[in-house]
């Protein structure tokens, strides 16, 4: 294999896989829906006055933001731009000697 020296991307800075991205978006959706459910239950059974109104509004608005962010596409990576490192050229192995047939 003939490699040219130069800059290469470090594996640890590569983008996350599609499965990991979908899993992260699903977790965010579940968290938001859990908060919504808690807000609605509190508004119905516990809270009174203006706090109840705020909890009801949160319960109605959170699904919109949850679905929008879950379907928005890949989440941005927090690592920033991929890191490039300088790779030095290594000498190739010398050619092999004569082969020995075992027949």
PDB file of N, CA and C in Angstrom:
ATOM      1  N   UNK A   1       0.862  -1.169   0.000  1.00  0.00           N
ATOM      2  CA  UNK A   1       0.000   0.000   0.000  1.00  0.00           C
ATOM      3  C   UNK A   1       0.901   1.223   0.000  1.00  0.00           C
ATOM      4  N   UNK A   2       0.670   2.115  -0.897  1.00  0.00           N
ATOM      5  CA  UNK A   2       1.492   3.309  -1.035  1.00  0.00           C
ATOM      6  C   UNK A   2       0.768   4.483  -0.391  1.00  0.00           C
ATOM      7  N   UNK A   3       1.346   5.000   0.687  1.00  0.00           N
ATOM      8  CA  UNK A   3       0.743   6.141   1.371  1.00  0.00           C
ATOM      9  C   UNK A   3       1.578   7.378   1.114  1.00  0.00           C
ATOM     10  N   UNK A   4       0.882   8.462   0.935  1.00  0.00           N
ATOM     11  CA  UNK A   4       1.575   9.732   0.794  1.00  0.00           C
ATOM     12  C   UNK A   4       1.621  10.410   2.153  1.00  0.00           C
ATOM     13  N   UNK A   5       2.766  10.987   2.502  1.00  0.00           N
ATOM     14  CA  UNK A   5       2.816  11.702   3.776  1.00  0.00           C
ATOM     15  C   UNK A   5       1.945  12.943   3.701  1.00  0.00           C
ATOM     16  N   UNK A   6       1.489  13.383   4.820  1.00  0.00           N
ATOM     17  CA  UNK A   6       0.655  14.578   4.862  1.00  0.00           C
ATOM     18  C   UNK A   6      -0.196  14.562   6.106  1.00  0.00           C
ATOM     19  N   UNK A   7      -1.259  15.326   6.075  1.00  0.00           N
ATOM     20  CA  UNK A   7      -2.132  15.410   7.229  1.00  0.00           C
ATOM     21  C   UNK A   7      -3.293  14.439   7.077  1.00  0.00           C
ATOM     22  N   UNK A   8      -3.616  13.761   8.159  1.00  0.00           N
ATOM     23  CA  UNK A   8      -4.730  12.816   8.170  1.00  0.00           C
ATOM     24  C   UNK A   8      -5.637  13.143   9.346  1.00  0.00           C
ATOM     25  N   UNK A   9      -6.881  12.729   9.252  1.00  0.00           N
ATOM     26  CA  UNK A   9      -7.850  12.976  10.320  1.00  0.00           C
ATOM     27  C   UNK A   9      -7.669  11.943  11.420  1.00  0.00           C
ATOM     28  N   UNK A  10      -7.658  12.399  12.655  1.00  0.00           N
ATOM     29  CA  UNK A  10      -7.551  11.508  13.798  1.00  0.00           C
ATOM     30  C   UNK A  10      -8.891  10.815  13.997  1.00  0.00           C
ATOM     31  N   UNK A  11      -8.863   9.530  14.269  1.00  0.00           N
ATOM     32  CA  UNK A  11     -10.094   8.748  14.381  1.00  0.00           C
ATOM     33  C   UNK A  11     -10.973   9.269  15.507  1.00  0.00           C
ATOM     34  N   UNK A  12     -10.392   9.721  16.599  1.00  0.00           N
ATOM     35  CA  UNK A  12     -11.200  10.169  17.731  1.00  0.00           C
ATOM     36  C   UNK A  12     -11.966  11.450  17.439  1.00  0.00           C
ATOM     37  N   UNK A  13     -11.643  12.137  16.358  1.00  0.00           N
ATOM     38  CA  UNK A  13     -12.377  13.352  16.020  1.00  0.00           C
ATOM     39  C   UNK A  13     -13.347  13.133  14.862  1.00  0.00           C
ATOM     40  N   UNK A  14     -13.518  11.897  14.436  1.00  0.00           N
ATOM     41  CA  UNK A  14     -14.459  11.612  13.348  1.00  0.00           C
ATOM     42  C   UNK A  14     -15.892  11.837  13.837  1.00  0.00           C
ATOM     43  N   UNK A  15     -16.795  12.106  12.904  1.00  0.00           N
ATOM     44  CA  UNK A  15     -18.208  12.312  13.260  1.00  0.00           C
ATOM     45  C   UNK A  15     -18.769  11.046  13.874  1.00  0.00           C
ATOM     46  N   UNK A  16     -19.802  11.215  14.685  1.00  0.00           N
ATOM     47  CA  UNK A  16     -20.457  10.055  15.291  1.00  0.00           C
ATOM     48  C   UNK A  16     -21.229   9.291  14.229  1.00  0.00           C
ATOM     49  N   UNK A  17     -21.461   8.026  14.486  1.00  0.00           N
ATOM     50  CA  UNK A  17     -22.174   7.186  13.520  1.00  0.00           C
ATOM     51  C   UNK A  17     -23.651   7.590  13.478  1.00  0.00           C
ATOM     52  N   UNK A  18     -24.324   7.175  12.426  1.00  0.00           N
ATOM     53  CA  UNK A  18     -25.747   7.493  12.277  1.00  0.00           C
ATOM     54  C   UNK A  18     -26.563   6.856  13.397  1.00  0.00           C
ATOM     55  N   UNK A  19     -26.207   5.637  13.788  1.00  0.00           N
ATOM     56  CA  UNK A  19     -26.936   4.958  14.870  1.00  0.00           C
ATOM     57  C   UNK A  19     -26.782   5.720  16.186  1.00  0.00           C
ATOM     58  N   UNK A  20     -25.559   6.198  16.469  1.00  0.00           N
ATOM     59  CA  UNK A  20     -25.343   6.973  17.696  1.00  0.00           C
ATOM     60  C   UNK A  20     -26.120   8.283  17.658  1.00  0.00           C
ATOM     61  N   UNK A  21     -26.175   8.911  16.495  1.00  0.00           N
ATOM     62  CA  UNK A  21     -26.891  10.179  16.362  1.00  0.00           C
ATOM     63  C   UNK A  21     -28.394   9.980  16.582  1.00  0.00           C
ATOM     64  N   UNK A  22     -28.948   8.942  15.978  1.00  0.00           N
ATOM     65  CA  UNK A  22     -30.377   8.660  16.145  1.00  0.00           C
ATOM     66  C   UNK A  22     -30.680   8.342  17.607  1.00  0.00           C
ATOM     67  N   UNK A  23     -29.808   7.575  18.235  1.00  0.00           N
ATOM     68  CA  UNK A  23     -29.997   7.233  19.645  1.00  0.00           C
ATOM     69  C   UNK A  23     -29.990   8.488  20.522  1.00  0.00           C
ATOM     70  N   UNK A  24     -29.077   9.413  20.239  1.00  0.00           N
ATOM     71  CA  UNK A  24     -29.009  10.660  21.016  1.00  0.00           C
ATOM     72  C   UNK A  24     -30.270  11.494  20.813  1.00  0.00           C
ATOM     73  N   UNK A  25     -30.769  11.574  19.565  1.00  0.00           N
ATOM     74  CA  UNK A  25     -31.996  12.336  19.316  1.00  0.00           C
ATOM     75  C   UNK A  25     -33.198  11.691  19.989  1.00  0.00           C
ATOM     76  N   UNK A  26     -33.242  10.357  20.021  1.00  0.00           N
ATOM     77  CA  UNK A  26     -34.334   9.669  20.709  1.00  0.00           C
ATOM     78  C   UNK A  26     -34.292   9.947  22.212  1.00  0.00           C
ATOM     79  N   UNK A  27     -33.081   9.961  22.798  1.00  0.00           N
ATOM     80  CA  UNK A  27     -32.962  10.269  24.229  1.00  0.00           C
ATOM     81  C   UNK A  27     -33.454  11.673  24.528  1.00  0.00           C
ATOM     82  N   UNK A  28     -33.078  12.650  23.688  1.00  0.00           N
ATOM     83  CA  UNK A  28     -33.540  14.027  23.885  1.00  0.00           C
ATOM     84  C   UNK A  28     -35.068  14.096  23.813  1.00  0.00           C
ATOM     85  N   UNK A  29     -35.655  13.376  22.877  1.00  0.00           N
ATOM     86  CA  UNK A  29     -37.111  13.360  22.731  1.00  0.00           C
ATOM     87  C   UNK A  29     -37.770  12.760  23.973  1.00  0.00           C
ATOM     88  N   UNK A  30     -37.238  11.643  24.447  1.00  0.00           N
ATOM     89  CA  UNK A  30     -37.800  10.990  25.642  1.00  0.00           C
ATOM     90  C   UNK A  30     -37.700  11.910  26.852  1.00  0.00           C
ATOM     91  N   UNK A  31     -36.558  12.589  27.028  1.00  0.00           N
ATOM     92  CA  UNK A  31     -36.399  13.516  28.152  1.00  0.00           C
ATOM     93  C   UNK A  31     -37.445  14.630  28.083  1.00  0.00           C
ATOM     94  N   UNK A  32     -37.627  15.215  26.903  1.00  0.00           N
ATOM     95  CA  UNK A  32     -38.590  16.308  26.760  1.00  0.00           C
ATOM     96  C   UNK A  32     -40.016  15.825  27.018  1.00  0.00           C
ATOM     97  N   UNK A  33     -40.359  14.638  26.531  1.00  0.00           N
ATOM     98  CA  UNK A  33     -41.709  14.121  26.753  1.00  0.00           C
ATOM     99  C   UNK A  33     -41.923  13.751  28.225  1.00  0.00           C
ATOM    100  N   UNK A  34     -40.881  13.326  28.904  1.00  0.00           N
ATOM    101  CA  UNK A  34     -40.994  13.046  30.338  1.00  0.00           C
ATOM    102  C   UNK A  34     -41.262  14.336  31.105  1.00  0.00           C
ATOM    103  N   UNK A  35     -40.542  15.399  30.758  1.00  0.00           N
ATOM    104  CA  UNK A  35     -40.766  16.704  31.398  1.00  0.00           C
ATOM    105  C   UNK A  35     -42.188  17.178  31.113  1.00  0.00           C
ATOM    106  N   UNK A  36     -42.658  16.973  29.897  1.00  0.00           N
ATOM    107  CA  UNK A  36     -44.020  17.371  29.541  1.00  0.00           C
ATOM    108  C   UNK A  36     -45.048  16.617  30.368  1.00  0.00           C
ATOM    109  N   UNK A  37     -44.857  15.316  30.492  1.00  0.00           N
ATOM    110  CA  UNK A  37     -45.796  14.498  31.259  1.00  0.00           C
ATOM    111  C   UNK A  37     -45.833  14.934  32.721  1.00  0.00           C
ATOM    112  N   UNK A  38     -44.659  15.173  33.295  1.00  0.00           N
ATOM    113  CA  UNK A  38     -44.597  15.624  34.690  1.00  0.00           C
ATOM    114  C   UNK A  38     -45.296  16.978  34.836  1.00  0.00           C
ATOM    115  N   UNK A  39     -45.060  17.883  33.898  1.00  0.00           N
ATOM    116  CA  UNK A  39     -45.686  19.208  33.963  1.00  0.00           C
ATOM    117  C   UNK A  39     -47.212  19.095  33.897  1.00  0.00           C
ATOM    118  N   UNK A  40     -47.723  18.262  33.007  1.00  0.00           N
ATOM    119  CA  UNK A  40     -49.177  18.110  32.888  1.00  0.00           C
ATOM    120  C   UNK A  40     -49.787  17.457  34.129  1.00  0.00           C
ATOM    121  N   UNK A  41     -49.121  16.432  34.652  1.00  0.00           N
ATOM    122  CA  UNK A  41     -49.645  15.772  35.861  1.00  0.00           C
ATOM    123  C   UNK A  41     -49.655  16.759  37.027  1.00  0.00           C
ATOM    124  N   UNK A  42     -48.570  17.518  37.181  1.00  0.00           N
ATOM    125  CA  UNK A  42     -48.524  18.518  38.250  1.00  0.00           C
ATOM    126  C   UNK A  42     -49.609  19.571  38.058  1.00  0.00           C
ATOM    127  N   UNK A  43     -49.807  20.015  36.810  1.00  0.00           N
ATOM    128  CA  UNK A  43     -50.812  21.048  36.543  1.00  0.00           C
ATOM    129  C   UNK A  43     -52.218  20.547  36.860  1.00  0.00           C
ATOM    130  N   UNK A  44     -52.486  19.295  36.590  1.00  0.00           N
ATOM    131  CA  UNK A  44     -53.829  18.764  36.812  1.00  0.00           C
ATOM    132  C   UNK A  44     -54.085  18.460  38.286  1.00  0.00           C
ATOM    133  N   UNK A  45     -53.101  17.871  38.957  1.00  0.00           N
ATOM    134  CA  UNK A  45     -53.354  17.362  40.303  1.00  0.00           C
ATOM    135  C   UNK A  45     -52.755  18.184  41.445  1.00  0.00           C
ATOM    136  N   UNK A  46     -51.717  18.988  41.204  1.00  0.00           N
ATOM    137  CA  UNK A  46     -50.999  19.607  42.323  1.00  0.00           C
ATOM    138  C   UNK A  46     -51.022  21.129  42.270  1.00  0.00           C
ATOM    139  N   UNK A  47     -50.660  21.692  41.135  1.00  0.00           N
ATOM    140  CA  UNK A  47     -50.432  23.133  41.047  1.00  0.00           C
ATOM    141  C   UNK A  47     -51.740  23.912  40.951  1.00  0.00           C
ATOM    142  N   UNK A  48     -51.679  25.187  41.385  1.00  0.00           N
ATOM    143  CA  UNK A  48     -52.836  26.072  41.324  1.00  0.00           C
ATOM    144  C   UNK A  48     -52.372  27.458  40.902  1.00  0.00           C
ATOM    145  N   UNK A  49     -53.289  28.234  40.352  1.00  0.00           N
ATOM    146  CA  UNK A  49     -53.006  29.620  39.992  1.00  0.00           C
ATOM    147  C   UNK A  49     -52.151  29.748  38.744  1.00  0.00           C
ATOM    148  N   UNK A  50     -51.303  30.792  38.706  1.00  0.00           N
ATOM    149  CA  UNK A  50     -50.498  31.050  37.502  1.00  0.00           C
ATOM    150  C   UNK A  50     -49.470  29.952  37.226  1.00  0.00           C
ATOM    151  N   UNK A  51     -49.004  29.264  38.254  1.00  0.00           N
ATOM    152  CA  UNK A  51     -48.040  28.177  38.038  1.00  0.00           C
ATOM    153  C   UNK A  51     -48.698  27.041  37.254  1.00  0.00           C
ATOM    154  N   UNK A  52     -49.969  26.793  37.514  1.00  0.00           N
ATOM    155  CA  UNK A  52     -50.705  25.777  36.769  1.00  0.00           C
ATOM    156  C   UNK A  52     -50.790  26.163  35.298  1.00  0.00           C
ATOM    157  N   UNK A  53     -51.053  27.427  35.030  1.00  0.00           N
ATOM    158  CA  UNK A  53     -51.133  27.915  33.649  1.00  0.00           C
ATOM    159  C   UNK A  53     -49.789  27.736  32.945  1.00  0.00           C
ATOM    160  N   UNK A  54     -48.692  28.056  33.615  1.00  0.00           N
ATOM    161  CA  UNK A  54     -47.350  27.904  33.022  1.00  0.00           C
ATOM    162  C   UNK A  54     -47.068  26.430  32.718  1.00  0.00           C
ATOM    163  N   UNK A  55     -47.435  25.541  33.634  1.00  0.00           N
ATOM    164  CA  UNK A  55     -47.219  24.110  33.410  1.00  0.00           C
ATOM    165  C   UNK A  55     -48.062  23.601  32.240  1.00  0.00           C
ATOM    166  N   UNK A  56     -49.290  24.080  32.106  1.00  0.00           N
ATOM    167  CA  UNK A  56     -50.134  23.671  30.980  1.00  0.00           C
ATOM    168  C   UNK A  56     -49.578  24.169  29.646  1.00  0.00           C
ATOM    169  N   UNK A  57     -49.095  25.408  29.632  1.00  0.00           N
ATOM    170  CA  UNK A  57     -48.491  25.941  28.401  1.00  0.00           C
ATOM    171  C   UNK A  57     -47.241  25.142  28.045  1.00  0.00           C
ATOM    172  N   UNK A  58     -46.421  24.827  29.045  1.00  0.00           N
ATOM    173  CA  UNK A  58     -45.225  24.009  28.789  1.00  0.00           C
ATOM    174  C   UNK A  58     -45.624  22.641  28.247  1.00  0.00           C
ATOM    175  N   UNK A  59     -46.686  22.073  28.773  1.00  0.00           N
ATOM    176  CA  UNK A  59     -47.160  20.776  28.297  1.00  0.00           C
ATOM    177  C   UNK A  59     -47.675  20.816  26.874  1.00  0.00           C
ATOM    178  N   UNK A  60     -48.162  21.979  26.444  1.00  0.00           N
ATOM    179  CA  UNK A  60     -48.653  22.096  25.065  1.00  0.00           C
ATOM    180  C   UNK A  60     -47.533  22.465  24.087  1.00  0.00           C
ATOM    181  N   UNK A  61     -46.521  23.181  24.546  1.00  0.00           N
ATOM    182  CA  UNK A  61     -45.464  23.666  23.647  1.00  0.00           C
ATOM    183  C   UNK A  61     -44.325  22.654  23.497  1.00  0.00           C
ATOM    184  N   UNK A  62     -44.012  21.918  24.549  1.00  0.00           N
ATOM    185  CA  UNK A  62     -42.890  20.980  24.493  1.00  0.00           C
ATOM    186  C   UNK A  62     -42.978  19.953  23.368  1.00  0.00           C
ATOM    187  N   UNK A  63     -44.145  19.381  23.051  1.00  0.00           N
ATOM    188  CA  UNK A  63     -44.182  18.408  21.950  1.00  0.00           C
ATOM    189  C   UNK A  63     -43.722  18.996  20.621  1.00  0.00           C
ATOM    190  N   UNK A  64     -44.090  20.238  20.352  1.00  0.00           N
ATOM    191  CA  UNK A  64     -43.672  20.874  19.102  1.00  0.00           C
ATOM    192  C   UNK A  64     -42.148  20.934  19.021  1.00  0.00           C
ATOM    193  N   UNK A  65     -41.500  21.415  20.075  1.00  0.00           N
ATOM    194  CA  UNK A  65     -40.036  21.533  20.069  1.00  0.00           C
ATOM    195  C   UNK A  65     -39.373  20.155  20.088  1.00  0.00           C
ATOM    196  N   UNK A  66     -39.961  19.209  20.773  1.00  0.00           N
ATOM    197  CA  UNK A  66     -39.385  17.865  20.839  1.00  0.00           C
ATOM    198  C   UNK A  66     -39.381  17.196  19.468  1.00  0.00           C
ATOM    199  N   UNK A  67     -40.506  17.261  18.783  1.00  0.00           N
ATOM    200  CA  UNK A  67     -40.594  16.646  17.461  1.00  0.00           C
ATOM    201  C   UNK A  67     -39.706  17.386  16.467  1.00  0.00           C
ATOM    202  N   UNK A  68     -39.692  18.707  16.538  1.00  0.00           N
ATOM    203  CA  UNK A  68     -38.866  19.493  15.621  1.00  0.00           C
ATOM    204  C   UNK A  68     -37.390  19.172  15.799  1.00  0.00           C
ATOM    205  N   UNK A  69     -36.913  19.120  17.022  1.00  0.00           N
ATOM    206  CA  UNK A  69     -35.496  18.827  17.235  1.00  0.00           C
ATOM    207  C   UNK A  69     -35.168  17.371  16.945  1.00  0.00           C
ATOM    208  N   UNK A  70     -36.091  16.455  17.186  1.00  0.00           N
ATOM    209  CA  UNK A  70     -35.824  15.044  16.900  1.00  0.00           C
ATOM    210  C   UNK A  70     -35.717  14.795  15.396  1.00  0.00           C
ATOM    211  N   UNK A  71     -36.453  15.558  14.596  1.00  0.00           N
ATOM    212  CA  UNK A  71     -36.430  15.375  13.143  1.00  0.00           C
ATOM    213  C   UNK A  71     -35.512  16.352  12.423  1.00  0.00           C
ATOM    214  N   UNK A  72     -34.772  17.153  13.155  1.00  0.00           N
ATOM    215  CA  UNK A  72     -33.964  18.208  12.542  1.00  0.00           C
ATOM    216  C   UNK A  72     -32.735  17.684  11.821  1.00  0.00           C
ATOM    217  N   UNK A  73     -32.337  16.479  12.063  1.00  0.00           N
ATOM    218  CA  UNK A  73     -31.143  15.940  11.425  1.00  0.00           C
ATOM    219  C   UNK A  73     -30.059  15.712  12.451  1.00  0.00           C
ATOM    220  N   UNK A  74     -28.854  15.442  11.983  1.00  0.00           N
ATOM    221  CA  UNK A  74     -27.765  15.102  12.900  1.00  0.00           C
ATOM    222  C   UNK A  74     -27.498  16.206  13.917  1.00  0.00           C
ATOM    223  N   UNK A  75     -27.211  15.792  15.136  1.00  0.00           N
ATOM    224  CA  UNK A  75     -26.832  16.740  16.172  1.00  0.00           C
ATOM    225  C   UNK A  75     -25.416  17.233  15.894  1.00  0.00           C
ATOM    226  N   UNK A  76     -25.123  18.483  16.198  1.00  0.00           N
ATOM    227  CA  UNK A  76     -23.756  18.962  15.982  1.00  0.00           C
ATOM    228  C   UNK A  76     -22.789  18.282  16.945  1.00  0.00           C
ATOM    229  N   UNK A  77     -21.602  18.019  16.448  1.00  0.00           N
ATOM    230  CA  UNK A  77     -20.577  17.435  17.305  1.00  0.00           C
ATOM    231  C   UNK A  77     -20.013  18.507  18.204  1.00  0.00           C
ATOM    232  N   UNK A  78     -19.767  18.152  19.447  1.00  0.00           N
ATOM    233  CA  UNK A  78     -19.239  19.130  20.389  1.00  0.00           C
ATOM    234  C   UNK A  78     -17.732  19.273  20.284  1.00  0.00           C
ATOM    235  N   UNK A  79     -17.081  18.399  19.532  1.00  0.00           N
ATOM    236  CA  UNK A  79     -15.625  18.418  19.450  1.00  0.00           C
ATOM    237  C   UNK A  79     -15.067  19.484  18.530  1.00  0.00           C
ATOM    238  N   UNK A  80     -15.894  20.152  17.784  1.00  0.00           N
ATOM    239  CA  UNK A  80     -15.399  21.163  16.866  1.00  0.00           C
ATOM    240  C   UNK A  80     -14.928  20.536  15.561  1.00  0.00           C
ATOM    241  N   UNK A  81     -14.044  21.242  14.891  1.00  0.00           N
ATOM    242  CA  UNK A  81     -13.526  20.784  13.607  1.00  0.00           C
ATOM    243  C   UNK A  81     -12.627  19.568  13.808  1.00  0.00           C
ATOM    244  N   UNK A  82     -12.576  18.676  12.817  1.00  0.00           N
ATOM    245  CA  UNK A  82     -11.696  17.520  12.940  1.00  0.00           C
ATOM    246  C   UNK A  82     -10.247  17.956  13.088  1.00  0.00           C
ATOM    247  N   UNK A  83      -9.553  17.240  13.931  1.00  0.00           N
ATOM    248  CA  UNK A  83      -8.145  17.545  14.154  1.00  0.00           C
ATOM    249  C   UNK A  83      -7.316  16.827  13.109  1.00  0.00           C
ATOM    250  N   UNK A  84      -6.385  17.551  12.509  1.00  0.00           N
ATOM    251  CA  UNK A  84      -5.485  16.955  11.534  1.00  0.00           C
ATOM    252  C   UNK A  84      -4.102  16.863  12.151  1.00  0.00           C
ATOM    253  N   UNK A  85      -3.443  15.737  11.943  1.00  0.00           N
ATOM    254  CA  UNK A  85      -2.095  15.555  12.464  1.00  0.00           C
ATOM    255  C   UNK A  85      -1.150  15.295  11.310  1.00  0.00           C
ATOM    256  N   UNK A  86       0.088  15.704  11.496  1.00  0.00           N
ATOM    257  CA  UNK A  86       1.104  15.501  10.476  1.00  0.00           C
ATOM    258  C   UNK A  86       1.621  14.067  10.576  1.00  0.00           C
ATOM    259  N   UNK A  87       1.658  13.373   9.461  1.00  0.00           N
ATOM    260  CA  UNK A  87       2.155  12.003   9.421  1.00  0.00           C
ATOM    261  C   UNK A  87       3.498  12.006   8.718  1.00  0.00           C
ATOM    262  N   UNK A  88       4.481  11.410   9.379  1.00  0.00           N
ATOM    263  CA  UNK A  88       5.799  11.368   8.757  1.00  0.00           C
ATOM    264  C   UNK A  88       5.897  10.162   7.835  1.00  0.00           C
ATOM    265  N   UNK A  89       6.713  10.291   6.837  1.00  0.00           N
ATOM    266  CA  UNK A  89       6.874   9.203   5.882  1.00  0.00           C
ATOM    267  C   UNK A  89       7.757   8.132   6.501  1.00  0.00           C
ATOM    268  N   UNK A  90       7.304   6.888   6.417  1.00  0.00           N
ATOM    269  CA  UNK A  90       8.088   5.765   6.928  1.00  0.00           C
ATOM    270  C   UNK A  90       8.641   4.990   5.742  1.00  0.00           C
ATOM    271  N   UNK A  91       9.857   4.517   5.871  1.00  0.00           N
ATOM    272  CA  UNK A  91      10.423   3.765   4.745  1.00  0.00           C
ATOM    273  C   UNK A  91       9.699   2.434   4.558  1.00  0.00           C
ATOM    274  N   UNK A  92       9.622   2.009   3.318  1.00  0.00           N
ATOM    275  CA  UNK A  92       8.961   0.746   3.004  1.00  0.00           C
ATOM    276  C   UNK A  92       9.868  -0.415   3.392  1.00  0.00           C
ATOM    277  N   UNK A  93       9.288  -1.583   3.589  1.00  0.00           N
ATOM    278  CA  UNK A  93      10.071  -2.780   3.861  1.00  0.00           C
ATOM    279  C   UNK A  93      10.875  -3.154   2.624  1.00  0.00           C
ATOM    280  N   UNK A  94      12.044  -3.718   2.832  1.00  0.00           N
ATOM    281  CA  UNK A  94      12.824  -4.140   1.661  1.00  0.00           C
ATOM    282  C   UNK A  94      12.142  -5.326   0.993  1.00  0.00           C
ATOM    283  N   UNK A  95      12.443  -5.550  -0.281  1.00  0.00           N
ATOM    284  CA  UNK A  95      11.819  -6.692  -0.959  1.00  0.00           C
ATOM    285  C   UNK A  95      12.235  -7.994  -0.288  1.00  0.00           C
ATOM    286  N   UNK A  96      11.339  -8.976  -0.349  1.00  0.00           N
ATOM    287  CA  UNK A  96      11.597 -10.268   0.269  1.00  0.00           C
ATOM    288  C   UNK A  96      12.635 -11.061  -0.507  1.00  0.00           C
ATOM    289  N   UNK A  97      13.213 -12.055   0.158  1.00  0.00           N
ATOM    290  CA  UNK A  97      14.195 -12.934  -0.488  1.00  0.00           C
ATOM    291  C   UNK A  97      13.498 -13.991  -1.314  1.00  0.00           C
ATOM    292  N   UNK A  98      14.249 -14.965  -1.762  1.00  0.00           N
ATOM    293  CA  UNK A  98      13.648 -16.026  -2.566  1.00  0.00           C
ATOM    294  C   UNK A  98      12.670 -16.840  -1.718  1.00  0.00           C
ATOM    295  N   UNK A  99      11.605 -17.274  -2.333  1.00  0.00           N
ATOM    296  CA  UNK A  99      10.617 -18.078  -1.621  1.00  0.00           C
ATOM    297  C   UNK A  99      11.037 -19.521  -1.595  1.00  0.00           C
ATOM    298  N   UNK A 100      10.625 -20.219  -0.565  1.00  0.00           N
ATOM    299  CA  UNK A 100      10.970 -21.629  -0.428  1.00  0.00           C
ATOM    300  C   UNK A 100       9.715 -22.431  -0.687  1.00  0.00           C
ATOM    301  N   UNK A 101       9.761 -23.283  -1.689  1.00  0.00           N
ATOM    302  CA  UNK A 101       8.614 -24.143  -1.985  1.00  0.00           C
ATOM    303  C   UNK A 101       8.717 -25.391  -1.135  1.00  0.00           C
ATOM    304  N   UNK A 102       7.627 -25.760  -0.495  1.00  0.00           N
ATOM    305  CA  UNK A 102       7.617 -26.918   0.373  1.00  0.00           C
ATOM    306  C   UNK A 102       7.004 -28.137  -0.308  1.00  0.00           C
ATOM    307  N   UNK A 103       7.290 -28.336  -1.546  1.00  0.00           N
ATOM    308  CA  UNK A 103       6.699 -29.466  -2.255  1.00  0.00           C
ATOM    309  C   UNK A 103       7.584 -30.651  -2.250  1.00  0.00           C
TER     310      UNK A 103
END
